[in-house]
């Protein structure tokens, strides 16, 4: 399993507020997409996955109508 720094942002839906909630954590998983599917199990989910250089993975998700962005960077 690989170890990643996970940064995820939740877009604020309030009008006139451009701020986002941003969270940081370290996770250990074999596949970031599968990890996220398990983490968000039971929710209405749409994913778009971008694999970058060096093993980084960016996942744009719509979770129960909220736009979220997850960036997995190998440690």
C-alpha atoms as a PDB file:
ATOM      1  CA  UNK A   1       0.000   0.000   0.000  1.00  0.00           C
ATOM      2  CA  UNK A   2       1.103   3.543  -0.711  1.00  0.00           C
ATOM      3  CA  UNK A   3       0.997   6.449   1.687  1.00  0.00           C
ATOM      4  CA  UNK A   4      -0.519   9.741   0.527  1.00  0.00           C
ATOM      5  CA  UNK A   5      -1.076  13.249   1.762  1.00  0.00           C
ATOM      6  CA  UNK A   6      -4.749  13.922   1.076  1.00  0.00           C
ATOM      7  CA  UNK A   7      -5.981  17.469   0.609  1.00  0.00           C
ATOM      8  CA  UNK A   8      -9.692  17.847   0.049  1.00  0.00           C
ATOM      9  CA  UNK A   9     -11.781  20.914  -0.607  1.00  0.00           C
ATOM     10  CA  UNK A  10     -15.505  21.333  -0.286  1.00  0.00           C
ATOM     11  CA  UNK A  11     -16.907  24.187  -2.330  1.00  0.00           C
ATOM     12  CA  UNK A  12     -19.063  26.620  -0.358  1.00  0.00           C
ATOM     13  CA  UNK A  13     -22.547  26.935  -1.896  1.00  0.00           C
ATOM     14  CA  UNK A  14     -23.436  30.175  -0.110  1.00  0.00           C
ATOM     15  CA  UNK A  15     -23.785  33.119  -2.476  1.00  0.00           C
ATOM     16  CA  UNK A  16     -21.139  35.835  -2.245  1.00  0.00           C
ATOM     17  CA  UNK A  17     -18.814  33.496  -0.333  1.00  0.00           C
ATOM     18  CA  UNK A  18     -15.893  32.239  -2.415  1.00  0.00           C
ATOM     19  CA  UNK A  19     -14.154  30.467   0.483  1.00  0.00           C
ATOM     20  CA  UNK A  20     -13.749  26.691   0.558  1.00  0.00           C
ATOM     21  CA  UNK A  21     -13.422  24.285   3.434  1.00  0.00           C
ATOM     22  CA  UNK A  22      -9.966  22.689   3.095  1.00  0.00           C
ATOM     23  CA  UNK A  23      -8.822  19.622   5.049  1.00  0.00           C
ATOM     24  CA  UNK A  24      -5.481  17.772   5.239  1.00  0.00           C
ATOM     25  CA  UNK A  25      -4.753  14.216   6.337  1.00  0.00           C
ATOM     26  CA  UNK A  26      -2.445  11.282   5.659  1.00  0.00           C
ATOM     27  CA  UNK A  27      -3.959   8.087   4.279  1.00  0.00           C
ATOM     28  CA  UNK A  28      -2.616   4.678   3.322  1.00  0.00           C
ATOM     29  CA  UNK A  29      -4.317   2.901   0.421  1.00  0.00           C
ATOM     30  CA  UNK A  30      -3.611   0.816  -2.667  1.00  0.00           C
ATOM     31  CA  UNK A  31      -5.885   2.803  -5.004  1.00  0.00           C
ATOM     32  CA  UNK A  32      -7.054   6.375  -4.264  1.00  0.00           C
ATOM     33  CA  UNK A  33     -10.216   6.032  -6.381  1.00  0.00           C
ATOM     34  CA  UNK A  34     -11.307   2.846  -4.597  1.00  0.00           C
ATOM     35  CA  UNK A  35     -10.407   4.403  -1.228  1.00  0.00           C
ATOM     36  CA  UNK A  36     -12.662   7.359  -1.986  1.00  0.00           C
ATOM     37  CA  UNK A  37     -15.533   5.134  -3.178  1.00  0.00           C
ATOM     38  CA  UNK A  38     -15.363   3.228   0.127  1.00  0.00           C
ATOM     39  CA  UNK A  39     -15.063   6.416   2.171  1.00  0.00           C
ATOM     40  CA  UNK A  40     -18.161   7.894   0.504  1.00  0.00           C
ATOM     41  CA  UNK A  41     -20.172   4.661   0.325  1.00  0.00           C
ATOM     42  CA  UNK A  42     -23.928   5.165   0.519  1.00  0.00           C
ATOM     43  CA  UNK A  43     -23.836   8.648  -1.006  1.00  0.00           C
ATOM     44  CA  UNK A  44     -24.873   9.724  -4.503  1.00  0.00           C
ATOM     45  CA  UNK A  45     -21.491  10.004  -6.200  1.00  0.00           C
ATOM     46  CA  UNK A  46     -19.985  11.132  -9.523  1.00  0.00           C
ATOM     47  CA  UNK A  47     -16.189  10.955  -9.946  1.00  0.00           C
ATOM     48  CA  UNK A  48     -13.707  12.319 -12.466  1.00  0.00           C
ATOM     49  CA  UNK A  49     -10.134  11.041 -12.020  1.00  0.00           C
ATOM     50  CA  UNK A  50      -6.925  12.705 -13.266  1.00  0.00           C
ATOM     51  CA  UNK A  51      -3.630  10.877 -12.824  1.00  0.00           C
ATOM     52  CA  UNK A  52      -0.608  13.162 -12.747  1.00  0.00           C
ATOM     53  CA  UNK A  53       3.125  12.693 -12.812  1.00  0.00           C
ATOM     54  CA  UNK A  54       4.899  11.142  -9.860  1.00  0.00           C
ATOM     55  CA  UNK A  55       1.819   9.161  -8.772  1.00  0.00           C
ATOM     56  CA  UNK A  56      -0.363  12.131  -7.819  1.00  0.00           C
ATOM     57  CA  UNK A  57      -4.104  11.607  -8.274  1.00  0.00           C
ATOM     58  CA  UNK A  58      -6.737  14.348  -8.396  1.00  0.00           C
ATOM     59  CA  UNK A  59     -10.366  13.328  -8.062  1.00  0.00           C
ATOM     60  CA  UNK A  60     -13.195  15.768  -8.694  1.00  0.00           C
ATOM     61  CA  UNK A  61     -16.358  14.498  -7.044  1.00  0.00           C
ATOM     62  CA  UNK A  62     -19.981  15.507  -6.812  1.00  0.00           C
ATOM     63  CA  UNK A  63     -21.186  14.055  -3.514  1.00  0.00           C
ATOM     64  CA  UNK A  64     -24.911  14.349  -2.873  1.00  0.00           C
ATOM     65  CA  UNK A  65     -24.897  17.526  -4.987  1.00  0.00           C
ATOM     66  CA  UNK A  66     -21.811  19.161  -3.396  1.00  0.00           C
ATOM     67  CA  UNK A  67     -18.659  19.714  -5.467  1.00  0.00           C
ATOM     68  CA  UNK A  68     -15.532  18.367  -3.778  1.00  0.00           C
ATOM     69  CA  UNK A  69     -11.916  18.019  -4.882  1.00  0.00           C
ATOM     70  CA  UNK A  70      -9.528  15.365  -3.523  1.00  0.00           C
ATOM     71  CA  UNK A  71      -5.785  15.518  -4.231  1.00  0.00           C
ATOM     72  CA  UNK A  72      -3.692  12.464  -3.305  1.00  0.00           C
ATOM     73  CA  UNK A  73       0.064  13.161  -3.318  1.00  0.00           C
ATOM     74  CA  UNK A  74       2.499  10.317  -2.582  1.00  0.00           C
ATOM     75  CA  UNK A  75       4.613  10.792   0.522  1.00  0.00           C
END
